[in-house]
Amino acid sequence: MSLEERLSKEELRDRARIVRSGLTPDEIRSFSRSICDSLRSQLNGEQSVMVYVSKSPEVDTMPLIRHFIDHDIGVVVPIIERETRSLRLSRLEDPGNLVVSTFSVPEPIGNEIPVKSEELEVIIVPMLAFDRSGHRLGYGAGYYDRFLSSCPQAKRIGAAFSCQEIRSVPADANDVAMDIIVTEREIITCR
């Protein structure tokens, strides 16, 4: 058993943060552009796409969000409900409506256009770490896993830098795997 396989989820998260923090701002910009281009290629006419709004040093999703808005693809963003540890949804028509909110995540607070989760066709998910079978590590509060389990109809796509890949993410029954993972190097079909 490798050292990585003996680490807890929290230890793996810490290691993933350290690895990701080694990327330069130029690498993050360049890799994010490549990832956003590949994410666009994963749409097959879907018109309701949930995209996380990134915070540094995550894959920058703002170019993707702007592209979708410019091409009349319905962009839905999550709003973090800290009290209930859940996500609610809002259509985003203008990125200028985003304000830094819970956990420093930009959200359209005060400009919400509610959307039901059953309307989603694609969900683009942030990841701290991932493996090739589609398992991911998020930030540890379970917001996305709870949300994803309520949206079985939607294609689940993880976005991450290739340096965030690990051999195996410890997964349990509550963890929801990705269908596809997109990095700056490749598109991984997981299931």
N, C-alpha and C. Protein backbone atom coordinates (compact mmCIF):
# COMPACT_ATOMS: atom_id res chain seq x y z
N MET A 1 0.85 -1.19 0.00
CA MET A 1 0.00 0.00 0.00
C MET A 1 0.89 1.25 0.00
N SER A 2 0.60 2.18 -0.90
CA SER A 2 1.41 3.39 -0.99
C SER A 2 1.07 4.34 0.15
N LEU A 3 1.95 5.30 0.38
CA LEU A 3 1.71 6.31 1.42
C LEU A 3 0.39 7.03 1.15
N GLU A 4 0.16 7.38 -0.12
CA GLU A 4 -1.06 8.10 -0.50
C GLU A 4 -2.31 7.32 -0.09
N GLU A 5 -2.27 6.00 -0.25
CA GLU A 5 -3.42 5.16 0.07
C GLU A 5 -3.66 5.03 1.58
N ARG A 6 -2.65 5.36 2.37
CA ARG A 6 -2.79 5.28 3.84
C ARG A 6 -3.26 6.60 4.46
N LEU A 7 -3.30 7.65 3.67
CA LEU A 7 -3.67 8.96 4.20
C LEU A 7 -5.19 9.09 4.33
N SER A 8 -5.61 9.87 5.32
CA SER A 8 -7.04 10.16 5.49
C SER A 8 -7.47 11.17 4.43
N LYS A 9 -8.78 11.34 4.28
CA LYS A 9 -9.29 12.33 3.33
C LYS A 9 -8.74 13.72 3.67
N GLU A 10 -8.69 14.06 4.94
CA GLU A 10 -8.21 15.40 5.32
C GLU A 10 -6.73 15.56 4.98
N GLU A 11 -5.94 14.51 5.21
CA GLU A 11 -4.52 14.58 4.84
C GLU A 11 -4.36 14.69 3.32
N LEU A 12 -5.19 13.99 2.57
CA LEU A 12 -5.15 14.10 1.12
C LEU A 12 -5.56 15.50 0.67
N ARG A 13 -6.55 16.08 1.33
CA ARG A 13 -6.95 17.47 1.00
C ARG A 13 -5.79 18.43 1.23
N ASP A 14 -5.12 18.27 2.37
CA ASP A 14 -3.97 19.15 2.68
C ASP A 14 -2.89 19.02 1.62
N ARG A 15 -2.59 17.79 1.23
CA ARG A 15 -1.56 17.58 0.20
C ARG A 15 -2.00 18.18 -1.14
N ALA A 16 -3.29 18.02 -1.47
CA ALA A 16 -3.79 18.57 -2.75
C ALA A 16 -3.70 20.09 -2.75
N ARG A 17 -4.02 20.71 -1.62
CA ARG A 17 -3.91 22.18 -1.53
C ARG A 17 -2.47 22.62 -1.77
N ILE A 18 -1.53 21.90 -1.16
CA ILE A 18 -0.11 22.25 -1.30
C ILE A 18 0.33 22.11 -2.75
N VAL A 19 -0.05 21.00 -3.39
CA VAL A 19 0.34 20.78 -4.79
C VAL A 19 -0.25 21.87 -5.68
N ARG A 20 -1.54 22.13 -5.49
CA ARG A 20 -2.20 23.14 -6.32
C ARG A 20 -1.59 24.52 -6.09
N SER A 21 -1.21 24.82 -4.85
CA SER A 21 -0.64 26.14 -4.56
C SER A 21 0.73 26.33 -5.21
N GLY A 22 1.33 25.24 -5.71
CA GLY A 22 2.60 25.34 -6.41
C GLY A 22 2.47 25.86 -7.84
N LEU A 23 1.22 25.95 -8.32
CA LEU A 23 1.02 26.49 -9.67
C LEU A 23 1.19 28.00 -9.66
N THR A 24 1.83 28.53 -10.69
CA THR A 24 2.00 29.98 -10.79
C THR A 24 0.71 30.60 -11.31
N PRO A 25 0.51 31.90 -11.11
CA PRO A 25 -0.67 32.56 -11.70
C PRO A 25 -0.75 32.38 -13.22
N ASP A 26 0.40 32.42 -13.90
CA ASP A 26 0.40 32.21 -15.36
C ASP A 26 -0.04 30.80 -15.72
N GLU A 27 0.42 29.80 -14.95
CA GLU A 27 0.00 28.43 -15.21
C GLU A 27 -1.50 28.28 -14.97
N ILE A 28 -1.99 28.86 -13.89
CA ILE A 28 -3.44 28.77 -13.60
C ILE A 28 -4.24 29.38 -14.74
N ARG A 29 -3.82 30.55 -15.24
CA ARG A 29 -4.53 31.20 -16.35
C ARG A 29 -4.49 30.33 -17.61
N SER A 30 -3.31 29.86 -17.96
CA SER A 30 -3.14 29.06 -19.17
C SER A 30 -3.89 27.73 -19.07
N PHE A 31 -3.71 27.02 -17.96
CA PHE A 31 -4.38 25.73 -17.77
C PHE A 31 -5.90 25.92 -17.73
N SER A 32 -6.35 26.97 -17.06
CA SER A 32 -7.79 27.23 -16.97
C SER A 32 -8.39 27.46 -18.35
N ARG A 33 -7.69 28.21 -19.20
CA ARG A 33 -8.17 28.44 -20.58
C ARG A 33 -8.34 27.12 -21.32
N SER A 34 -7.35 26.26 -21.19
CA SER A 34 -7.40 24.96 -21.85
C SER A 34 -8.55 24.11 -21.30
N ILE A 35 -8.72 24.11 -20.00
CA ILE A 35 -9.79 23.35 -19.37
C ILE A 35 -11.15 23.88 -19.81
N CYS A 36 -11.32 25.19 -19.83
CA CYS A 36 -12.60 25.78 -20.26
C CYS A 36 -12.91 25.43 -21.70
N ASP A 37 -11.89 25.43 -22.59
CA ASP A 37 -12.10 25.02 -23.98
C ASP A 37 -12.60 23.58 -24.04
N SER A 38 -11.98 22.71 -23.25
CA SER A 38 -12.39 21.30 -23.24
C SER A 38 -13.77 21.13 -22.62
N LEU A 39 -14.09 21.90 -21.61
CA LEU A 39 -15.42 21.82 -21.00
C LEU A 39 -16.49 22.19 -22.02
N ARG A 40 -16.24 23.21 -22.81
CA ARG A 40 -17.20 23.61 -23.85
C ARG A 40 -17.45 22.45 -24.82
N SER A 41 -16.40 21.71 -25.12
CA SER A 41 -16.53 20.60 -26.07
C SER A 41 -17.38 19.46 -25.52
N GLN A 42 -17.62 19.44 -24.22
CA GLN A 42 -18.38 18.36 -23.60
C GLN A 42 -19.89 18.60 -23.66
N LEU A 43 -20.30 19.76 -24.11
CA LEU A 43 -21.73 20.02 -24.25
C LEU A 43 -22.22 19.53 -25.60
N ASN A 44 -23.37 18.92 -25.58
CA ASN A 44 -23.99 18.40 -26.80
C ASN A 44 -25.38 18.96 -26.94
N GLY A 45 -25.48 20.29 -26.94
CA GLY A 45 -26.77 20.93 -27.10
C GLY A 45 -27.50 21.20 -25.80
N GLU A 46 -26.91 20.84 -24.67
CA GLU A 46 -27.56 21.11 -23.38
C GLU A 46 -27.71 22.62 -23.19
N GLN A 47 -28.83 22.99 -22.57
CA GLN A 47 -29.15 24.41 -22.42
C GLN A 47 -29.25 24.86 -20.96
N SER A 48 -28.98 23.98 -20.02
CA SER A 48 -29.02 24.35 -18.60
C SER A 48 -27.81 23.73 -17.91
N VAL A 49 -26.80 24.57 -17.68
CA VAL A 49 -25.52 24.09 -17.17
C VAL A 49 -25.20 24.79 -15.86
N MET A 50 -25.01 24.00 -14.82
CA MET A 50 -24.56 24.56 -13.55
C MET A 50 -23.03 24.60 -13.56
N VAL A 51 -22.49 25.77 -13.26
CA VAL A 51 -21.04 25.97 -13.22
C VAL A 51 -20.69 26.60 -11.88
N TYR A 52 -19.73 26.03 -11.18
CA TYR A 52 -19.27 26.68 -9.95
C TYR A 52 -18.55 27.96 -10.33
N VAL A 53 -18.67 28.97 -9.50
CA VAL A 53 -17.94 30.22 -9.71
C VAL A 53 -16.66 30.10 -8.90
N SER A 54 -15.55 30.14 -9.59
CA SER A 54 -14.26 29.84 -8.97
C SER A 54 -13.75 30.95 -8.07
N LYS A 55 -12.92 30.50 -7.14
CA LYS A 55 -12.12 31.41 -6.32
C LYS A 55 -10.68 30.95 -6.47
N SER A 56 -9.75 31.83 -6.31
CA SER A 56 -8.34 31.49 -6.46
C SER A 56 -7.94 30.47 -5.38
N PRO A 57 -7.17 29.45 -5.71
CA PRO A 57 -6.49 29.12 -6.97
C PRO A 57 -7.19 27.99 -7.75
N GLU A 58 -8.52 27.94 -7.73
CA GLU A 58 -9.25 26.92 -8.48
C GLU A 58 -9.15 27.18 -9.98
N VAL A 59 -9.56 26.18 -10.77
CA VAL A 59 -9.69 26.38 -12.21
C VAL A 59 -10.63 27.57 -12.40
N ASP A 60 -10.17 28.57 -13.13
CA ASP A 60 -10.95 29.80 -13.35
C ASP A 60 -12.08 29.51 -14.32
N THR A 61 -13.31 29.55 -13.83
CA THR A 61 -14.48 29.24 -14.66
C THR A 61 -15.12 30.48 -15.29
N MET A 62 -14.63 31.66 -14.97
CA MET A 62 -15.28 32.87 -15.49
C MET A 62 -15.29 32.94 -17.02
N PRO A 63 -14.21 32.55 -17.73
CA PRO A 63 -14.29 32.56 -19.19
C PRO A 63 -15.38 31.61 -19.71
N LEU A 64 -15.56 30.49 -19.06
CA LEU A 64 -16.59 29.53 -19.46
C LEU A 64 -17.99 30.11 -19.22
N ILE A 65 -18.17 30.72 -18.06
CA ILE A 65 -19.46 31.33 -17.73
C ILE A 65 -19.80 32.42 -18.75
N ARG A 66 -18.84 33.27 -19.07
CA ARG A 66 -19.08 34.35 -20.05
C ARG A 66 -19.40 33.77 -21.43
N HIS A 67 -18.68 32.72 -21.82
CA HIS A 67 -18.94 32.08 -23.11
C HIS A 67 -20.37 31.54 -23.16
N PHE A 68 -20.79 30.85 -22.12
CA PHE A 68 -22.14 30.30 -22.09
C PHE A 68 -23.19 31.41 -22.17
N ILE A 69 -23.00 32.47 -21.40
CA ILE A 69 -23.95 33.58 -21.42
C ILE A 69 -23.99 34.20 -22.82
N ASP A 70 -22.82 34.42 -23.42
CA ASP A 70 -22.75 35.01 -24.76
C ASP A 70 -23.41 34.14 -25.83
N HIS A 71 -23.48 32.82 -25.59
CA HIS A 71 -24.05 31.89 -26.56
C HIS A 71 -25.43 31.37 -26.14
N ASP A 72 -26.08 32.13 -25.25
CA ASP A 72 -27.46 31.83 -24.83
C ASP A 72 -27.63 30.44 -24.23
N ILE A 73 -26.60 29.96 -23.55
CA ILE A 73 -26.71 28.71 -22.78
C ILE A 73 -27.02 29.13 -21.35
N GLY A 74 -28.06 28.55 -20.78
CA GLY A 74 -28.48 28.93 -19.44
C GLY A 74 -27.45 28.56 -18.39
N VAL A 75 -26.86 29.57 -17.76
CA VAL A 75 -25.86 29.34 -16.71
C VAL A 75 -26.55 29.39 -15.37
N VAL A 76 -26.32 28.34 -14.60
CA VAL A 76 -26.85 28.26 -13.24
C VAL A 76 -25.65 28.17 -12.31
N VAL A 77 -25.69 28.94 -11.23
CA VAL A 77 -24.59 28.91 -10.26
C VAL A 77 -25.14 28.51 -8.89
N PRO A 78 -24.29 27.86 -8.09
CA PRO A 78 -24.72 27.47 -6.75
C PRO A 78 -24.56 28.62 -5.76
N ILE A 79 -25.45 28.63 -4.78
CA ILE A 79 -25.34 29.55 -3.65
C ILE A 79 -25.27 28.67 -2.41
N ILE A 80 -24.26 28.90 -1.60
CA ILE A 80 -24.01 28.05 -0.44
C ILE A 80 -24.95 28.42 0.70
N GLU A 81 -25.67 27.43 1.19
CA GLU A 81 -26.54 27.57 2.36
C GLU A 81 -25.80 26.97 3.55
N ARG A 82 -25.06 27.81 4.24
CA ARG A 82 -24.20 27.32 5.32
C ARG A 82 -25.01 26.66 6.44
N GLU A 83 -26.16 27.24 6.79
CA GLU A 83 -26.95 26.73 7.91
C GLU A 83 -27.45 25.31 7.65
N THR A 84 -27.88 25.03 6.43
CA THR A 84 -28.43 23.71 6.10
C THR A 84 -27.41 22.83 5.39
N ARG A 85 -26.21 23.37 5.17
CA ARG A 85 -25.14 22.64 4.47
C ARG A 85 -25.64 22.12 3.13
N SER A 86 -26.28 23.01 2.39
CA SER A 86 -26.84 22.64 1.09
C SER A 86 -26.54 23.75 0.08
N LEU A 87 -26.91 23.48 -1.17
CA LEU A 87 -26.76 24.46 -2.24
C LEU A 87 -28.14 24.82 -2.77
N ARG A 88 -28.35 26.09 -3.02
CA ARG A 88 -29.53 26.50 -3.77
C ARG A 88 -29.02 27.06 -5.09
N LEU A 89 -29.91 27.18 -6.05
CA LEU A 89 -29.48 27.51 -7.41
C LEU A 89 -30.04 28.83 -7.88
N SER A 90 -29.25 29.52 -8.70
CA SER A 90 -29.70 30.76 -9.33
C SER A 90 -29.18 30.81 -10.75
N ARG A 91 -30.05 31.23 -11.66
CA ARG A 91 -29.60 31.52 -13.02
C ARG A 91 -28.72 32.76 -12.93
N LEU A 92 -27.68 32.80 -13.74
CA LEU A 92 -26.79 33.95 -13.79
C LEU A 92 -26.83 34.54 -15.18
N GLU A 93 -27.33 35.76 -15.28
CA GLU A 93 -27.40 36.42 -16.57
C GLU A 93 -26.32 37.48 -16.74
N ASP A 94 -25.73 37.93 -15.62
CA ASP A 94 -24.72 38.97 -15.66
C ASP A 94 -23.67 38.69 -14.59
N PRO A 95 -22.44 38.34 -14.99
CA PRO A 95 -21.38 38.10 -14.00
C PRO A 95 -21.11 39.30 -13.09
N GLY A 96 -21.52 40.49 -13.53
CA GLY A 96 -21.37 41.68 -12.69
C GLY A 96 -22.22 41.63 -11.43
N ASN A 97 -23.18 40.70 -11.39
CA ASN A 97 -24.03 40.55 -10.20
C ASN A 97 -23.40 39.69 -9.12
N LEU A 98 -22.22 39.16 -9.37
CA LEU A 98 -21.58 38.29 -8.38
C LEU A 98 -20.88 39.13 -7.31
N VAL A 99 -21.05 38.72 -6.06
CA VAL A 99 -20.35 39.36 -4.94
C VAL A 99 -19.72 38.25 -4.10
N VAL A 100 -18.57 38.55 -3.52
CA VAL A 100 -17.90 37.56 -2.67
C VAL A 100 -18.78 37.29 -1.46
N SER A 101 -19.02 36.01 -1.20
CA SER A 101 -19.97 35.63 -0.17
C SER A 101 -19.38 34.50 0.69
N THR A 102 -20.20 33.51 1.00
CA THR A 102 -19.81 32.41 1.88
C THR A 102 -18.55 31.71 1.38
N PHE A 103 -17.61 31.46 2.29
CA PHE A 103 -16.33 30.81 1.98
C PHE A 103 -15.58 31.53 0.86
N SER A 104 -15.79 32.84 0.72
CA SER A 104 -15.13 33.67 -0.31
C SER A 104 -15.53 33.29 -1.73
N VAL A 105 -16.66 32.62 -1.88
CA VAL A 105 -17.15 32.23 -3.21
C VAL A 105 -18.04 33.34 -3.76
N PRO A 106 -17.82 33.77 -5.00
CA PRO A 106 -18.71 34.75 -5.62
C PRO A 106 -20.09 34.15 -5.86
N GLU A 107 -21.13 34.88 -5.45
CA GLU A 107 -22.51 34.42 -5.60
C GLU A 107 -23.39 35.61 -5.99
N PRO A 108 -24.51 35.36 -6.68
CA PRO A 108 -25.38 36.46 -7.10
C PRO A 108 -26.36 36.89 -6.00
N ILE A 109 -25.85 37.16 -4.83
CA ILE A 109 -26.68 37.55 -3.70
C ILE A 109 -27.41 38.86 -4.03
N GLY A 110 -28.71 38.87 -3.82
CA GLY A 110 -29.51 40.06 -4.13
C GLY A 110 -29.99 40.12 -5.57
N ASN A 111 -29.49 39.22 -6.40
CA ASN A 111 -29.88 39.18 -7.82
C ASN A 111 -30.23 37.76 -8.24
N GLU A 112 -30.83 37.02 -7.33
CA GLU A 112 -31.10 35.60 -7.58
C GLU A 112 -32.30 35.39 -8.50
N ILE A 113 -32.13 34.40 -9.37
CA ILE A 113 -33.21 33.93 -10.24
C ILE A 113 -33.30 32.44 -9.97
N PRO A 114 -34.21 32.01 -9.08
CA PRO A 114 -34.24 30.61 -8.64
C PRO A 114 -34.42 29.61 -9.79
N VAL A 115 -33.74 28.48 -9.65
CA VAL A 115 -33.80 27.38 -10.61
C VAL A 115 -33.96 26.09 -9.82
N LYS A 116 -34.73 25.16 -10.36
CA LYS A 116 -34.91 23.86 -9.71
C LYS A 116 -33.83 22.90 -10.20
N SER A 117 -33.35 22.05 -9.30
CA SER A 117 -32.26 21.13 -9.64
C SER A 117 -32.63 20.17 -10.77
N GLU A 118 -33.92 19.82 -10.89
CA GLU A 118 -34.31 18.88 -11.96
C GLU A 118 -34.20 19.50 -13.35
N GLU A 119 -33.99 20.81 -13.44
CA GLU A 119 -33.81 21.46 -14.73
C GLU A 119 -32.39 21.33 -15.27
N LEU A 120 -31.45 20.93 -14.41
CA LEU A 120 -30.05 20.88 -14.81
C LEU A 120 -29.76 19.71 -15.73
N GLU A 121 -28.97 19.98 -16.76
CA GLU A 121 -28.54 18.93 -17.68
C GLU A 121 -27.07 18.57 -17.48
N VAL A 122 -26.28 19.55 -17.07
CA VAL A 122 -24.84 19.35 -16.83
C VAL A 122 -24.49 20.09 -15.55
N ILE A 123 -23.61 19.48 -14.75
CA ILE A 123 -23.11 20.13 -13.54
C ILE A 123 -21.59 20.07 -13.58
N ILE A 124 -20.95 21.23 -13.54
CA ILE A 124 -19.49 21.32 -13.53
C ILE A 124 -19.06 21.59 -12.09
N VAL A 125 -18.21 20.69 -11.58
CA VAL A 125 -17.92 20.60 -10.15
C VAL A 125 -16.45 20.90 -9.87
N PRO A 126 -16.16 21.67 -8.82
CA PRO A 126 -14.77 21.88 -8.43
C PRO A 126 -14.24 20.67 -7.67
N MET A 127 -12.92 20.50 -7.69
CA MET A 127 -12.30 19.37 -7.00
C MET A 127 -10.96 19.79 -6.41
N LEU A 128 -10.67 19.27 -5.24
CA LEU A 128 -9.33 19.42 -4.67
C LEU A 128 -8.41 18.32 -5.17
N ALA A 129 -8.98 17.11 -5.30
CA ALA A 129 -8.23 15.96 -5.80
C ALA A 129 -9.22 15.03 -6.48
N PHE A 130 -8.68 14.16 -7.35
CA PHE A 130 -9.53 13.22 -8.07
C PHE A 130 -8.73 11.99 -8.44
N ASP A 131 -9.46 10.92 -8.76
CA ASP A 131 -8.82 9.75 -9.34
C ASP A 131 -9.52 9.40 -10.65
N ARG A 132 -8.96 8.46 -11.38
CA ARG A 132 -9.46 8.15 -12.73
C ARG A 132 -10.79 7.42 -12.74
N SER A 133 -11.25 6.96 -11.59
CA SER A 133 -12.56 6.30 -11.56
C SER A 133 -13.67 7.32 -11.32
N GLY A 134 -13.31 8.60 -11.19
CA GLY A 134 -14.30 9.65 -11.06
C GLY A 134 -14.56 10.11 -9.65
N HIS A 135 -13.88 9.52 -8.68
CA HIS A 135 -14.05 9.98 -7.31
C HIS A 135 -13.30 11.29 -7.11
N ARG A 136 -13.86 12.15 -6.29
CA ARG A 136 -13.26 13.46 -6.05
C ARG A 136 -13.20 13.76 -4.57
N LEU A 137 -12.29 14.62 -4.23
CA LEU A 137 -12.27 15.22 -2.90
C LEU A 137 -12.63 16.68 -3.07
N GLY A 138 -13.64 17.11 -2.33
CA GLY A 138 -13.98 18.51 -2.28
C GLY A 138 -13.36 19.10 -1.03
N TYR A 139 -13.98 20.15 -0.53
CA TYR A 139 -13.42 20.84 0.63
C TYR A 139 -13.82 20.19 1.95
N GLY A 140 -14.68 19.19 1.91
CA GLY A 140 -14.94 18.39 3.10
C GLY A 140 -16.27 18.57 3.78
N ALA A 141 -17.09 19.51 3.34
CA ALA A 141 -18.37 19.72 4.02
C ALA A 141 -19.51 18.92 3.39
N GLY A 142 -19.28 18.33 2.23
CA GLY A 142 -20.28 17.48 1.60
C GLY A 142 -21.37 18.20 0.83
N TYR A 143 -21.23 19.49 0.61
CA TYR A 143 -22.26 20.24 -0.12
C TYR A 143 -22.55 19.62 -1.48
N TYR A 144 -21.50 19.39 -2.26
CA TYR A 144 -21.70 18.88 -3.62
C TYR A 144 -22.20 17.45 -3.63
N ASP A 145 -21.68 16.59 -2.76
CA ASP A 145 -22.15 15.21 -2.76
C ASP A 145 -23.63 15.13 -2.45
N ARG A 146 -24.08 15.88 -1.47
CA ARG A 146 -25.52 15.89 -1.16
C ARG A 146 -26.32 16.42 -2.35
N PHE A 147 -25.83 17.49 -2.94
CA PHE A 147 -26.53 18.08 -4.07
C PHE A 147 -26.55 17.13 -5.27
N LEU A 148 -25.41 16.57 -5.62
CA LEU A 148 -25.32 15.70 -6.79
C LEU A 148 -26.20 14.47 -6.67
N SER A 149 -26.36 13.97 -5.46
CA SER A 149 -27.20 12.78 -5.28
C SER A 149 -28.67 13.09 -5.59
N SER A 150 -29.03 14.37 -5.57
CA SER A 150 -30.42 14.76 -5.88
C SER A 150 -30.61 15.10 -7.36
N CYS A 151 -29.55 14.95 -8.17
CA CYS A 151 -29.62 15.31 -9.60
C CYS A 151 -29.12 14.16 -10.47
N PRO A 152 -29.75 12.99 -10.40
CA PRO A 152 -29.24 11.86 -11.18
C PRO A 152 -29.34 12.07 -12.69
N GLN A 153 -30.18 13.01 -13.13
CA GLN A 153 -30.38 13.23 -14.56
C GLN A 153 -29.24 14.01 -15.20
N ALA A 154 -28.45 14.68 -14.41
CA ALA A 154 -27.42 15.59 -14.95
C ALA A 154 -26.09 14.87 -15.16
N LYS A 155 -25.42 15.25 -16.25
CA LYS A 155 -24.05 14.80 -16.49
C LYS A 155 -23.15 15.54 -15.51
N ARG A 156 -22.28 14.81 -14.80
CA ARG A 156 -21.40 15.39 -13.79
C ARG A 156 -19.97 15.46 -14.35
N ILE A 157 -19.47 16.69 -14.41
CA ILE A 157 -18.12 16.90 -14.96
C ILE A 157 -17.27 17.61 -13.91
N GLY A 158 -16.16 16.99 -13.55
CA GLY A 158 -15.22 17.61 -12.62
C GLY A 158 -14.18 18.40 -13.39
N ALA A 159 -13.78 19.54 -12.83
CA ALA A 159 -12.74 20.38 -13.43
C ALA A 159 -11.59 20.52 -12.44
N ALA A 160 -10.38 20.19 -12.90
CA ALA A 160 -9.21 20.27 -12.02
C ALA A 160 -7.94 20.35 -12.85
N PHE A 161 -6.87 20.74 -12.22
CA PHE A 161 -5.57 20.72 -12.85
C PHE A 161 -5.01 19.30 -12.75
N SER A 162 -4.23 18.90 -13.73
CA SER A 162 -3.71 17.52 -13.76
C SER A 162 -2.88 17.20 -12.51
N CYS A 163 -2.24 18.19 -11.91
CA CYS A 163 -1.43 17.95 -10.71
C CYS A 163 -2.28 17.53 -9.51
N GLN A 164 -3.59 17.65 -9.62
CA GLN A 164 -4.48 17.29 -8.51
C GLN A 164 -4.90 15.82 -8.55
N GLU A 165 -4.44 15.09 -9.57
CA GLU A 165 -4.79 13.67 -9.66
C GLU A 165 -4.01 12.87 -8.62
N ILE A 166 -4.71 11.95 -7.97
CA ILE A 166 -4.07 11.00 -7.06
C ILE A 166 -4.47 9.59 -7.48
N ARG A 167 -3.77 8.62 -6.97
CA ARG A 167 -4.01 7.23 -7.37
C ARG A 167 -5.42 6.78 -7.03
N SER A 168 -5.85 7.05 -5.79
CA SER A 168 -7.16 6.57 -5.38
C SER A 168 -7.74 7.47 -4.29
N VAL A 169 -8.94 7.97 -4.54
CA VAL A 169 -9.64 8.78 -3.54
C VAL A 169 -10.48 7.82 -2.69
N PRO A 170 -10.31 7.86 -1.37
CA PRO A 170 -11.17 7.02 -0.54
C PRO A 170 -12.62 7.47 -0.69
N ALA A 171 -13.49 6.56 -1.10
CA ALA A 171 -14.88 6.92 -1.34
C ALA A 171 -15.79 6.07 -0.47
N ASP A 172 -16.88 6.68 -0.03
CA ASP A 172 -17.88 5.93 0.72
C ASP A 172 -19.23 6.05 0.02
N ALA A 173 -20.26 5.50 0.62
CA ALA A 173 -21.57 5.43 -0.03
C ALA A 173 -22.16 6.80 -0.34
N ASN A 174 -21.76 7.84 0.39
CA ASN A 174 -22.32 9.18 0.17
C ASN A 174 -21.59 9.97 -0.92
N ASP A 175 -20.45 9.47 -1.37
CA ASP A 175 -19.66 10.17 -2.38
C ASP A 175 -20.22 9.88 -3.77
N VAL A 176 -20.41 10.93 -4.55
CA VAL A 176 -20.96 10.80 -5.90
C VAL A 176 -19.82 10.98 -6.90
N ALA A 177 -19.63 9.99 -7.76
CA ALA A 177 -18.54 10.03 -8.73
C ALA A 177 -18.90 10.91 -9.93
N MET A 178 -17.86 11.41 -10.57
CA MET A 178 -18.00 12.20 -11.78
C MET A 178 -18.16 11.26 -12.98
N ASP A 179 -18.83 11.73 -14.01
CA ASP A 179 -18.91 11.00 -15.27
C ASP A 179 -17.67 11.28 -16.11
N ILE A 180 -17.19 12.52 -16.03
CA ILE A 180 -16.05 12.99 -16.82
C ILE A 180 -15.22 13.91 -15.93
N ILE A 181 -13.92 13.87 -16.12
CA ILE A 181 -13.03 14.84 -15.46
C ILE A 181 -12.21 15.51 -16.55
N VAL A 182 -12.14 16.84 -16.49
CA VAL A 182 -11.40 17.61 -17.49
C VAL A 182 -10.22 18.29 -16.80
N THR A 183 -9.03 18.05 -17.35
CA THR A 183 -7.82 18.76 -16.90
C THR A 183 -7.25 19.49 -18.12
N GLU A 184 -6.16 20.20 -17.90
CA GLU A 184 -5.52 20.89 -19.02
C GLU A 184 -4.85 19.91 -19.98
N ARG A 185 -4.65 18.67 -19.56
CA ARG A 185 -3.98 17.67 -20.40
C ARG A 185 -4.92 16.73 -21.12
N GLU A 186 -6.10 16.45 -20.49
CA GLU A 186 -6.95 15.42 -21.07
C GLU A 186 -8.37 15.49 -20.55
N ILE A 187 -9.21 14.74 -21.24
CA ILE A 187 -10.59 14.52 -20.81
C ILE A 187 -10.68 13.06 -20.42
N ILE A 188 -11.02 12.80 -19.17
CA ILE A 188 -11.06 11.44 -18.65
C ILE A 188 -12.52 11.00 -18.55
N THR A 189 -12.87 9.96 -19.27
CA THR A 189 -14.21 9.38 -19.16
C THR A 189 -14.16 8.36 -18.04
N CYS A 190 -14.97 8.61 -17.01
CA CYS A 190 -14.86 7.80 -15.79
C CYS A 190 -15.84 6.64 -15.75
N ARG A 191 -17.03 6.80 -16.36
CA ARG A 191 -18.03 5.74 -16.25
C ARG A 191 -18.72 5.56 -17.58
